Structure formats: structure tokens, C-alpha cells
PDB file of N, CA and C in Angstrom:
ATOM      1  N   UNK A   1       8.324 -18.717  -5.405  1.00  0.00           N
ATOM      2  CA  UNK A   1       8.869 -17.542  -5.838  1.00  0.00           C
ATOM      3  C   UNK A   1       9.222 -17.857  -7.376  1.00  0.00           C
ATOM      4  N   UNK A   2       8.492 -18.987  -7.503  1.00  0.00           N
ATOM      5  CA  UNK A   2       8.537 -19.495  -8.787  1.00  0.00           C
ATOM      6  C   UNK A   2       7.432 -18.886 -10.010  1.00  0.00           C
ATOM      7  N   UNK A   3       6.648 -18.264  -9.328  1.00  0.00           N
ATOM      8  CA  UNK A   3       5.374 -17.912 -10.057  1.00  0.00           C
ATOM      9  C   UNK A   3       5.889 -16.575 -10.167  1.00  0.00           C
ATOM     10  N   UNK A   4       6.519 -15.669  -9.487  1.00  0.00           N
ATOM     11  CA  UNK A   4       6.749 -14.510  -9.615  1.00  0.00           C
ATOM     12  C   UNK A   4       7.637 -14.295 -11.037  1.00  0.00           C
ATOM     13  N   UNK A   5       8.608 -14.927 -11.794  1.00  0.00           N
ATOM     14  CA  UNK A   5       9.457 -15.280 -12.086  1.00  0.00           C
ATOM     15  C   UNK A   5       8.540 -14.703 -13.974  1.00  0.00           C
ATOM     16  N   UNK A   6       7.570 -15.303 -13.807  1.00  0.00           N
ATOM     17  CA  UNK A   6       6.277 -15.608 -14.833  1.00  0.00           C
ATOM     18  C   UNK A   6       5.891 -14.238 -15.210  1.00  0.00           C
ATOM     19  N   UNK A   7       6.189 -13.702 -14.274  1.00  0.00           N
ATOM     20  CA  UNK A   7       5.176 -11.522 -14.478  1.00  0.00           C
ATOM     21  C   UNK A   7       5.698 -11.107 -15.668  1.00  0.00           C
ATOM     22  N   UNK A   8       4.652 -10.492 -16.285  1.00  0.00           N
ATOM     23  CA  UNK A   8       5.322  -9.257 -17.266  1.00  0.00           C
ATOM     24  C   UNK A   8       4.548  -7.924 -17.055  1.00  0.00           C
ATOM     25  N   UNK A   9       4.280  -8.143 -15.703  1.00  0.00           N
ATOM     26  CA  UNK A   9       3.345  -6.593 -15.849  1.00  0.00           C
ATOM     27  C   UNK A   9       4.215  -5.548 -15.051  1.00  0.00           C
ATOM     28  N   UNK A  10       3.689  -4.406 -15.399  1.00  0.00           N
ATOM     29  CA  UNK A  10       4.841  -3.753 -14.420  1.00  0.00           C
ATOM     30  C   UNK A  10       4.628  -2.655 -13.134  1.00  0.00           C
ATOM     31  N   UNK A  11       3.388  -3.637 -12.777  1.00  0.00           N
ATOM     32  CA  UNK A  11       2.532  -3.035 -11.708  1.00  0.00           C
ATOM     33  C   UNK A  11       1.810  -4.234 -10.728  1.00  0.00           C
ATOM     34  N   UNK A  12       2.028  -4.737  -9.753  1.00  0.00           N
ATOM     35  CA  UNK A  12       1.604  -5.011  -8.912  1.00  0.00           C
ATOM     36  C   UNK A  12       0.745  -4.377  -7.771  1.00  0.00           C
ATOM     37  N   UNK A  13      -0.747  -4.498  -7.811  1.00  0.00           N
ATOM     38  CA  UNK A  13      -1.376  -3.609  -7.254  1.00  0.00           C
ATOM     39  C   UNK A  13      -2.580  -3.979  -6.330  1.00  0.00           C
ATOM     40  N   UNK A  14      -2.230  -4.693  -4.988  1.00  0.00           N
ATOM     41  CA  UNK A  14      -3.330  -5.334  -4.398  1.00  0.00           C
ATOM     42  C   UNK A  14      -4.221  -5.541  -4.241  1.00  0.00           C
ATOM     43  N   UNK A  15      -4.996  -6.312  -5.004  1.00  0.00           N
ATOM     44  CA  UNK A  15      -6.342  -6.376  -4.478  1.00  0.00           C
ATOM     45  C   UNK A  15      -6.441  -7.030  -3.311  1.00  0.00           C
ATOM     46  N   UNK A  16      -6.132  -8.515  -3.065  1.00  0.00           N
ATOM     47  CA  UNK A  16      -6.495  -9.531  -1.895  1.00  0.00           C
ATOM     48  C   UNK A  16      -5.161  -9.861  -1.298  1.00  0.00           C
ATOM     49  N   UNK A  17      -5.167 -10.035   0.048  1.00  0.00           N
ATOM     50  CA  UNK A  17      -4.373  -9.946   1.121  1.00  0.00           C
ATOM     51  C   UNK A  17      -3.354 -11.267   0.998  1.00  0.00           C
ATOM     52  N   UNK A  18      -2.092 -10.434   0.989  1.00  0.00           N
ATOM     53  CA  UNK A  18      -0.855 -10.499   0.921  1.00  0.00           C
ATOM     54  C   UNK A  18      -0.456 -11.189  -0.109  1.00  0.00           C
ATOM     55  N   UNK A  19      -0.399 -10.171  -1.576  1.00  0.00           N
ATOM     56  CA  UNK A  19       0.196 -10.578  -2.242  1.00  0.00           C
ATOM     57  C   UNK A  19       1.846 -11.717  -2.567  1.00  0.00           C
ATOM     58  N   UNK A  20       2.318 -10.856  -1.819  1.00  0.00           N
ATOM     59  CA  UNK A  20       3.866 -11.592  -1.720  1.00  0.00           C
ATOM     60  C   UNK A  20       3.762 -12.837  -0.533  1.00  0.00           C
ATOM     61  N   UNK A  21       4.565 -13.472  -0.831  1.00  0.00           N
ATOM     62  CA  UNK A  21       4.536 -14.881  -0.766  1.00  0.00           C
ATOM     63  C   UNK A  21       5.939 -14.609   0.788  1.00  0.00           C
ATOM     64  N   UNK A  22       6.738 -13.788   0.445  1.00  0.00           N
ATOM     65  CA  UNK A  22       7.500 -13.734   1.393  1.00  0.00           C
ATOM     66  C   UNK A  22       8.271 -12.232   1.218  1.00  0.00           C
ATOM     67  N   UNK A  23       9.105 -11.478   2.075  1.00  0.00           N
ATOM     68  CA  UNK A  23       9.641 -10.234   1.428  1.00  0.00           C
ATOM     69  C   UNK A  23      10.395 -10.440   0.494  1.00  0.00           C
ATOM     70  N   UNK A  24      11.068 -11.416   0.681  1.00  0.00           N
ATOM     71  CA  UNK A  24      11.962 -11.760  -1.016  1.00  0.00           C
ATOM     72  C   UNK A  24      11.118 -11.282  -2.496  1.00  0.00           C
ATOM     73  N   UNK A  25       9.861 -11.788  -2.260  1.00  0.00           N
ATOM     74  CA  UNK A  25       9.384 -11.660  -3.017  1.00  0.00           C
ATOM     75  C   UNK A  25       9.788 -10.219  -3.682  1.00  0.00           C
ATOM     76  N   UNK A  26       8.849  -9.098  -2.820  1.00  0.00           N
ATOM     77  CA  UNK A  26       9.589  -7.883  -2.768  1.00  0.00           C
ATOM     78  C   UNK A  26      10.427  -7.100  -3.140  1.00  0.00           C
ATOM     79  N   UNK A  27      11.356  -7.706  -2.513  1.00  0.00           N
ATOM     80  CA  UNK A  27      13.160  -6.979  -3.393  1.00  0.00           C
ATOM     81  C   UNK A  27      13.080  -7.268  -4.709  1.00  0.00           C
ATOM     82  N   UNK A  28      12.392  -8.743  -5.236  1.00  0.00           N
ATOM     83  CA  UNK A  28      12.558  -9.046  -6.275  1.00  0.00           C
ATOM     84  C   UNK A  28      11.839  -8.189  -7.557  1.00  0.00           C
ATOM     85  N   UNK A  29      10.456  -7.857  -7.052  1.00  0.00           N
ATOM     86  CA  UNK A  29       9.205  -7.215  -7.924  1.00  0.00           C
ATOM     87  C   UNK A  29      10.641  -5.676  -8.087  1.00  0.00           C
ATOM     88  N   UNK A  30      11.149  -5.161  -6.920  1.00  0.00           N
ATOM     89  CA  UNK A  30      11.555  -3.889  -7.193  1.00  0.00           C
ATOM     90  C   UNK A  30      12.840  -4.410  -7.917  1.00  0.00           C
ATOM     91  N   UNK A  31      13.784  -5.221  -7.710  1.00  0.00           N
ATOM     92  CA  UNK A  31      14.678  -5.536  -8.680  1.00  0.00           C
ATOM     93  C   UNK A  31      14.485  -5.738 -10.297  1.00  0.00           C
ATOM     94  N   UNK A  32      13.135  -5.942 -10.137  1.00  0.00           N
ATOM     95  CA  UNK A  32      12.747  -6.230 -12.270  1.00  0.00           C
ATOM     96  C   UNK A  32      12.093  -5.195 -12.314  1.00  0.00           C
ATOM     97  N   UNK A  33      12.306  -4.017 -11.220  1.00  0.00           N
ATOM     98  CA  UNK A  33      11.367  -2.602 -11.611  1.00  0.00           C
ATOM     99  C   UNK A  33       9.837  -2.657 -12.233  1.00  0.00           C
ATOM    100  N   UNK A  34       9.094  -3.713 -11.016  1.00  0.00           N
ATOM    101  CA  UNK A  34       7.866  -3.913 -11.176  1.00  0.00           C
ATOM    102  C   UNK A  34       7.352  -3.371 -10.092  1.00  0.00           C
ATOM    103  N   UNK A  35       6.449  -2.357  -9.939  1.00  0.00           N
ATOM    104  CA  UNK A  35       5.830  -1.156  -9.001  1.00  0.00           C
ATOM    105  C   UNK A  35       5.454  -2.448  -8.281  1.00  0.00           C
ATOM    106  N   UNK A  36       4.669  -2.106  -6.703  1.00  0.00           N
ATOM    107  CA  UNK A  36       4.394  -2.647  -5.706  1.00  0.00           C
ATOM    108  C   UNK A  36       3.933  -2.007  -5.132  1.00  0.00           C
ATOM    109  N   UNK A  37       2.441  -1.792  -4.808  1.00  0.00           N
ATOM    110  CA  UNK A  37       1.442  -1.018  -3.905  1.00  0.00           C
ATOM    111  C   UNK A  37       1.044  -2.319  -3.627  1.00  0.00           C
ATOM    112  N   UNK A  38       1.143  -2.164  -1.989  1.00  0.00           N
ATOM    113  CA  UNK A  38       0.323  -3.285  -0.897  1.00  0.00           C
ATOM    114  C   UNK A  38      -1.194  -3.272  -0.876  1.00  0.00           C
ATOM    115  N   UNK A  39      -1.727  -4.067  -0.789  1.00  0.00           N
ATOM    116  CA  UNK A  39      -3.330  -4.348  -0.526  1.00  0.00           C
ATOM    117  C   UNK A  39      -3.871  -4.013   0.829  1.00  0.00           C
ATOM    118  N   UNK A  40      -2.812  -3.261   1.677  1.00  0.00           N
ATOM    119  CA  UNK A  40      -3.236  -2.555   2.809  1.00  0.00           C
ATOM    120  C   UNK A  40      -3.254  -1.066   2.629  1.00  0.00           C
ATOM    121  N   UNK A  41      -2.792  -0.716   1.453  1.00  0.00           N
ATOM    122  CA  UNK A  41      -2.827   0.425   0.803  1.00  0.00           C
ATOM    123  C   UNK A  41      -3.851   1.093  -0.108  1.00  0.00           C
ATOM    124  N   UNK A  42      -3.548  -0.338  -1.345  1.00  0.00           N
ATOM    125  CA  UNK A  42      -4.781  -0.390  -2.071  1.00  0.00           C
ATOM    126  C   UNK A  42      -6.195   0.109  -1.595  1.00  0.00           C
ATOM    127  N   UNK A  43      -6.140  -0.598  -1.018  1.00  0.00           N
ATOM    128  CA  UNK A  43      -7.633  -0.866  -0.248  1.00  0.00           C
ATOM    129  C   UNK A  43      -8.151  -0.286   0.797  1.00  0.00           C
ATOM    130  N   UNK A  44      -6.876   0.956   1.257  1.00  0.00           N
ATOM    131  CA  UNK A  44      -7.737   1.409   2.527  1.00  0.00           C
ATOM    132  C   UNK A  44      -8.963   2.151   2.612  1.00  0.00           C
ATOM    133  N   UNK A  45      -9.364   2.351   1.111  1.00  0.00           N
ATOM    134  CA  UNK A  45     -10.399   3.370   0.908  1.00  0.00           C
ATOM    135  C   UNK A  45     -11.612   2.833   1.763  1.00  0.00           C
ATOM    136  N   UNK A  46     -11.717   1.276   1.375  1.00  0.00           N
ATOM    137  CA  UNK A  46     -12.626   0.872   2.018  1.00  0.00           C
ATOM    138  C   UNK A  46     -13.214   0.207   4.020  1.00  0.00           C
ATOM    139  N   UNK A  47     -11.287   0.727   4.187  1.00  0.00           N
ATOM    140  CA  UNK A  47     -11.773   0.483   5.909  1.00  0.00           C
ATOM    141  C   UNK A  47     -11.964   2.012   6.057  1.00  0.00           C
ATOM    142  N   UNK A  48     -11.679   3.180   5.585  1.00  0.00           N
ATOM    143  CA  UNK A  48     -11.388   3.977   6.332  1.00  0.00           C
ATOM    144  C   UNK A  48     -12.818   4.591   5.862  1.00  0.00           C
ATOM    145  N   UNK A  49     -13.979   4.147   5.063  1.00  0.00           N
ATOM    146  CA  UNK A  49     -15.694   4.140   4.946  1.00  0.00           C
ATOM    147  C   UNK A  49     -16.140   3.176   5.975  1.00  0.00           C
ATOM    148  N   UNK A  50     -15.698   1.636   6.535  1.00  0.00           N
ATOM    149  CA  UNK A  50     -16.329   1.634   7.838  1.00  0.00           C
ATOM    150  C   UNK A  50     -16.070   2.263   8.615  1.00  0.00           C
ATOM    151  N   UNK A  51     -14.571   2.429   9.059  1.00  0.00           N
ATOM    152  CA  UNK A  51     -14.732   3.269  10.471  1.00  0.00           C
ATOM    153  C   UNK A  51     -15.141   4.334  10.556  1.00  0.00           C
ATOM    154  N   UNK A  52     -15.882   5.025   9.892  1.00  0.00           N
ATOM    155  CA  UNK A  52     -16.007   6.726   9.832  1.00  0.00           C
ATOM    156  C   UNK A  52     -17.325   6.557  10.118  1.00  0.00           C
ATOM    157  N   UNK A  53     -17.931   5.509  10.887  1.00  0.00           N
ATOM    158  CA  UNK A  53     -18.744   4.674  10.733  1.00  0.00           C
ATOM    159  C   UNK A  53     -19.271   5.307  12.407  1.00  0.00           C
ATOM    160  N   UNK A  54     -18.050   4.722  13.429  1.00  0.00           N
ATOM    161  CA  UNK A  54     -17.850   4.739  14.512  1.00  0.00           C
ATOM    162  C   UNK A  54     -17.709   6.303  14.956  1.00  0.00           C
ATOM    163  N   UNK A  55     -17.346   7.000  14.204  1.00  0.00           N
ATOM    164  CA  UNK A  55     -17.102   8.463  14.530  1.00  0.00           C
ATOM    165  C   UNK A  55     -17.887   8.825  15.495  1.00  0.00           C
ATOM    166  N   UNK A  56     -17.516  10.194  16.161  1.00  0.00           N
ATOM    167  CA  UNK A  56     -18.683  10.829  16.635  1.00  0.00           C
ATOM    168  C   UNK A  56     -19.589  11.342  15.369  1.00  0.00           C
ATOM    169  N   UNK A  57     -21.030  10.876  15.867  1.00  0.00           N
ATOM    170  CA  UNK A  57     -22.321  11.539  14.790  1.00  0.00           C
ATOM    171  C   UNK A  57     -22.426  10.564  13.744  1.00  0.00           C
ATOM    172  N   UNK A  58     -21.560   9.779  13.785  1.00  0.00           N
ATOM    173  CA  UNK A  58     -21.924   8.805  12.341  1.00  0.00           C
ATOM    174  C   UNK A  58     -21.280   9.167  11.493  1.00  0.00           C
ATOM    175  N   UNK A  59     -21.332   8.305  10.847  1.00  0.00           N
ATOM    176  CA  UNK A  59     -20.682   8.272   8.588  1.00  0.00           C
ATOM    177  C   UNK A  59     -20.873   9.706   8.054  1.00  0.00           C
ATOM    178  N   UNK A  60     -19.777  10.246   7.702  1.00  0.00           N
ATOM    179  CA  UNK A  60     -19.798  11.463   7.224  1.00  0.00           C
ATOM    180  C   UNK A  60     -19.080  11.200   6.202  1.00  0.00           C
ATOM    181  N   UNK A  61     -19.937  11.419   4.658  1.00  0.00           N
ATOM    182  CA  UNK A  61     -19.191  11.478   3.510  1.00  0.00           C
ATOM    183  C   UNK A  61     -18.352  12.202   2.904  1.00  0.00           C
ATOM    184  N   UNK A  62     -18.672  13.583   3.128  1.00  0.00           N
ATOM    185  CA  UNK A  62     -17.259  14.564   2.900  1.00  0.00           C
ATOM    186  C   UNK A  62     -15.751  13.730   4.036  1.00  0.00           C
ATOM    187  N   UNK A  63     -15.947  13.788   5.042  1.00  0.00           N
ATOM    188  CA  UNK A  63     -15.119  13.506   5.994  1.00  0.00           C
ATOM    189  C   UNK A  63     -14.217  12.419   5.372  1.00  0.00           C
ATOM    190  N   UNK A  64     -14.948  11.649   4.891  1.00  0.00           N
ATOM    191  CA  UNK A  64     -14.244   9.712   3.777  1.00  0.00           C
ATOM    192  C   UNK A  64     -13.684  10.594   2.822  1.00  0.00           C
ATOM    193  N   UNK A  65     -14.352  11.063   1.798  1.00  0.00           N
ATOM    194  CA  UNK A  65     -13.805  11.276   0.693  1.00  0.00           C
ATOM    195  C   UNK A  65     -12.303  11.983   0.887  1.00  0.00           C
ATOM    196  N   UNK A  66     -12.502  12.991   1.930  1.00  0.00           N
ATOM    197  CA  UNK A  66     -11.275  13.840   2.387  1.00  0.00           C
ATOM    198  C   UNK A  66     -10.216  12.844   2.660  1.00  0.00           C
ATOM    199  N   UNK A  67     -10.687  11.824   3.305  1.00  0.00           N
ATOM    200  CA  UNK A  67      -9.240  10.474   3.915  1.00  0.00           C
ATOM    201  C   UNK A  67      -8.862   9.707   2.773  1.00  0.00           C
ATOM    202  N   UNK A  68     -10.427   9.325   2.201  1.00  0.00           N
ATOM    203  CA  UNK A  68      -9.447   8.717   1.101  1.00  0.00           C
ATOM    204  C   UNK A  68      -8.739   9.253  -0.500  1.00  0.00           C
ATOM    205  N   UNK A  69      -8.847  10.518  -0.390  1.00  0.00           N
ATOM    206  CA  UNK A  69      -7.864  11.371  -1.013  1.00  0.00           C
ATOM    207  C   UNK A  69      -6.547  11.155  -0.339  1.00  0.00           C
ATOM    208  N   UNK A  70      -6.445  11.185   0.523  1.00  0.00           N
ATOM    209  CA  UNK A  70      -4.372  11.379   1.052  1.00  0.00           C
ATOM    210  C   UNK A  70      -4.253   9.659   0.905  1.00  0.00           C
ATOM    211  N   UNK A  71      -4.930   8.650   0.333  1.00  0.00           N
ATOM    212  CA  UNK A  71      -4.373   7.495  -0.665  1.00  0.00           C
ATOM    213  C   UNK A  71      -3.623   7.736  -1.281  1.00  0.00           C
ATOM    214  N   UNK A  72      -3.661   8.645  -2.283  1.00  0.00           N
ATOM    215  CA  UNK A  72      -2.732   8.977  -3.266  1.00  0.00           C
ATOM    216  C   UNK A  72      -1.565   9.646  -2.958  1.00  0.00           C
ATOM    217  N   UNK A  73      -1.467  10.695  -1.810  1.00  0.00           N
ATOM    218  CA  UNK A  73      -0.268  11.138  -1.659  1.00  0.00           C
ATOM    219  C   UNK A  73       0.553   9.745  -0.309  1.00  0.00           C
ATOM    220  N   UNK A  74      -0.132   9.448  -0.094  1.00  0.00           N
ATOM    221  CA  UNK A  74       0.397   7.838   0.769  1.00  0.00           C
ATOM    222  C   UNK A  74       1.483   6.997  -0.531  1.00  0.00           C
ATOM    223  N   UNK A  75       0.267   6.811  -1.479  1.00  0.00           N
ATOM    224  CA  UNK A  75       0.853   6.066  -2.898  1.00  0.00           C
ATOM    225  C   UNK A  75       2.169   6.765  -3.337  1.00  0.00           C
ATOM    226  N   UNK A  76       2.033   8.258  -3.077  1.00  0.00           N
ATOM    227  CA  UNK A  76       3.374   8.605  -4.099  1.00  0.00           C
ATOM    228  C   UNK A  76       4.723   8.697  -2.856  1.00  0.00           C
ATOM    229  N   UNK A  77       4.245   9.236  -1.402  1.00  0.00           N
ATOM    230  CA  UNK A  77       5.525   8.878  -0.706  1.00  0.00           C
ATOM    231  C   UNK A  77       5.984   7.542  -0.983  1.00  0.00           C
ATOM    232  N   UNK A  78       5.612   6.263  -0.922  1.00  0.00           N
ATOM    233  CA  UNK A  78       5.844   4.970  -0.727  1.00  0.00           C
ATOM    234  C   UNK A  78       6.726   5.038  -2.514  1.00  0.00           C
ATOM    235  N   UNK A  79       6.043   5.355  -3.191  1.00  0.00           N
ATOM    236  CA  UNK A  79       7.240   5.297  -4.260  1.00  0.00           C
ATOM    237  C   UNK A  79       8.489   6.306  -4.232  1.00  0.00           C
ATOM    238  N   UNK A  80       7.965   7.615  -3.713  1.00  0.00           N
ATOM    239  CA  UNK A  80       9.585   8.608  -3.818  1.00  0.00           C
ATOM    240  C   UNK A  80      10.682   8.077  -2.912  1.00  0.00           C
ATOM    241  N   UNK A  81      10.057   7.641  -1.565  1.00  0.00           N
ATOM    242  CA  UNK A  81      11.157   6.777  -0.744  1.00  0.00           C
ATOM    243  C   UNK A  81      11.965   5.720  -0.808  1.00  0.00           C
ATOM    244  N   UNK A  82      10.456   4.691  -1.100  1.00  0.00           N
ATOM    245  CA  UNK A  82      11.527   3.859  -2.589  1.00  0.00           C
ATOM    246  C   UNK A  82      12.580   3.760  -3.226  1.00  0.00           C
ATOM    247  N   UNK A  83      12.424   5.518  -4.227  1.00  0.00           N
ATOM    248  CA  UNK A  83      13.525   5.789  -5.123  1.00  0.00           C
ATOM    249  C   UNK A  83      14.897   6.468  -4.486  1.00  0.00           C
ATOM    250  N   UNK A  84      14.251   7.018  -3.075  1.00  0.00           N
ATOM    251  CA  UNK A  84      15.550   7.693  -2.671  1.00  0.00           C
ATOM    252  C   UNK A  84      16.529   7.020  -2.037  1.00  0.00           C
ATOM    253  N   UNK A  85      16.083   6.136  -1.189  1.00  0.00           N
ATOM    254  CA  UNK A  85      16.326   5.341  -0.361  1.00  0.00           C
ATOM    255  C   UNK A  85      16.893   3.617  -1.059  1.00  0.00           C
ATOM    256  N   UNK A  86      16.504   3.552  -2.164  1.00  0.00           N
ATOM    257  CA  UNK A  86      16.465   2.485  -2.924  1.00  0.00           C
ATOM    258  C   UNK A  86      16.268   1.025  -1.909  1.00  0.00           C
ATOM    259  N   UNK A  87      15.371   1.253  -2.097  1.00  0.00           N
ATOM    260  CA  UNK A  87      14.374  -0.023  -1.339  1.00  0.00           C
ATOM    261  C   UNK A  87      13.658  -0.401  -1.725  1.00  0.00           C
ATOM    262  N   UNK A  88      12.799  -1.595  -1.735  1.00  0.00           N
ATOM    263  CA  UNK A  88      11.550  -2.121  -2.511  1.00  0.00           C
ATOM    264  C   UNK A  88      10.222  -1.273  -1.322  1.00  0.00           C
ATOM    265  N   UNK A  89       9.436  -0.992  -2.787  1.00  0.00           N
ATOM    266  CA  UNK A  89       8.079  -0.180  -1.866  1.00  0.00           C
ATOM    267  C   UNK A  89       7.402  -1.001  -0.590  1.00  0.00           C
ATOM    268  N   UNK A  90       7.975  -2.459  -0.827  1.00  0.00           N
ATOM    269  CA  UNK A  90       7.354  -3.700   0.033  1.00  0.00           C
ATOM    270  C   UNK A  90       7.295  -3.335   1.692  1.00  0.00           C
ATOM    271  N   UNK A  91       8.938  -2.582   1.457  1.00  0.00           N
ATOM    272  CA  UNK A  91       9.195  -2.440   2.681  1.00  0.00           C
ATOM    273  C   UNK A  91       9.199  -0.814   3.401  1.00  0.00           C
ATOM    274  N   UNK A  92       9.112   0.197   2.923  1.00  0.00           N
ATOM    275  CA  UNK A  92       8.930   1.550   2.745  1.00  0.00           C
ATOM    276  C   UNK A  92       7.206   1.848   3.570  1.00  0.00           C
ATOM    277  N   UNK A  93       6.588   0.928   2.644  1.00  0.00           N
ATOM    278  CA  UNK A  93       4.906   0.602   2.925  1.00  0.00           C
ATOM    279  C   UNK A  93       5.204   0.042   4.414  1.00  0.00           C
ATOM    280  N   UNK A  94       5.783  -1.445   4.385  1.00  0.00           N
ATOM    281  CA  UNK A  94       5.836  -1.459   5.592  1.00  0.00           C
ATOM    282  C   UNK A  94       6.176  -0.932   7.318  1.00  0.00           C
ATOM    283  N   UNK A  95       6.824  -0.445   7.100  1.00  0.00           N
ATOM    284  CA  UNK A  95       7.286   0.685   7.696  1.00  0.00           C
ATOM    285  C   UNK A  95       6.438   1.925   8.049  1.00  0.00           C
ATOM    286  N   UNK A  96       5.983   2.513   7.365  1.00  0.00           N
ATOM    287  CA  UNK A  96       5.298   3.129   7.221  1.00  0.00           C
ATOM    288  C   UNK A  96       4.094   3.144   8.256  1.00  0.00           C
ATOM    289  N   UNK A  97       3.271   2.133   7.849  1.00  0.00           N
ATOM    290  CA  UNK A  97       2.261   1.342   8.807  1.00  0.00           C
ATOM    291  C   UNK A  97       2.628   1.157   9.996  1.00  0.00           C
ATOM    292  N   UNK A  98       4.118   0.398  10.026  1.00  0.00           N
ATOM    293  CA  UNK A  98       4.213   0.448  11.206  1.00  0.00           C
ATOM    294  C   UNK A  98       4.530   1.661  12.498  1.00  0.00           C
ATOM    295  N   UNK A  99       4.669   2.744  11.999  1.00  0.00           N
ATOM    296  CA  UNK A  99       4.645   3.781  12.444  1.00  0.00           C
ATOM    297  C   UNK A  99       3.778   4.750  12.269  1.00  0.00           C
ATOM    298  N   UNK A 100       2.779   4.533  12.111  1.00  0.00           N
ATOM    299  CA  UNK A 100       1.383   4.968  11.581  1.00  0.00           C
ATOM    300  C   UNK A 100       0.298   4.234  13.462  1.00  0.00           C
ATOM    301  N   UNK A 101       0.312   2.764  13.502  1.00  0.00           N
ATOM    302  CA  UNK A 101       0.456   1.994  14.652  1.00  0.00           C
ATOM    303  C   UNK A 101       1.162   2.147  15.806  1.00  0.00           C
ATOM    304  N   UNK A 102       2.348   2.283  15.780  1.00  0.00           N
ATOM    305  CA  UNK A 102       3.123   2.461  17.518  1.00  0.00           C
ATOM    306  C   UNK A 102       2.398   4.071  17.847  1.00  0.00           C
ATOM    307  N   UNK A 103       1.732   4.877  17.381  1.00  0.00           N
ATOM    308  CA  UNK A 103       1.420   6.554  17.705  1.00  0.00           C
ATOM    309  C   UNK A 103       0.058   6.103  18.473  1.00  0.00           C
TER     310      UNK A 103
END
């Protein structure tokens, strides 16, 4: 938690795995009005691209681009729900991801 208090950024957008040392860091960012987007959301395009190779018929660029376009809507949903529910984006994103994997 020591380093996070030094942040001057308005946004922390995941470029590497697990930027948050703990869930408390996500809460701290939220309380200090620093927008956080997890790495697994920000980097989803790479996974979508690779996973598409396993689809019937193999890789399809159009299908990949269509799926990647949905990332923006996911980010908007995370931000919207965070504001509506007055909870950190880290919590919202984790809950949405869990729902996807449970189905």
C-alpha cells in the first residue's frame, strides 16, 4: 500500500498481470477517484485473437474485431455499475468475470 499513495495518475489501466497488491488497493483507488481498469479487461483483445484460432474454420479477422469491439462496452459497463453501486471498479469487474466463467 505504500507505493499506491504516491500515485498522481487519474487512471490505472492494466498492462501487466495483477497490478493490485490486494483488494484494498482497488478500494483505495476508488476512494481517491483514480479509475482502475483490470489487466484482464484491458488486454482481453489479445486473448480473443488467440482463442479465435480454435473456432470452427480457424481464425476469422472479422469475428475477432467484432468481439474486440465489445471490450469498450464492457469497460463502460464496469464504470457505470461502479458509479451506480458506489463500489470500486475492481470489485465490479471481478464479479462480472466470475459470472461469465460460472455460465
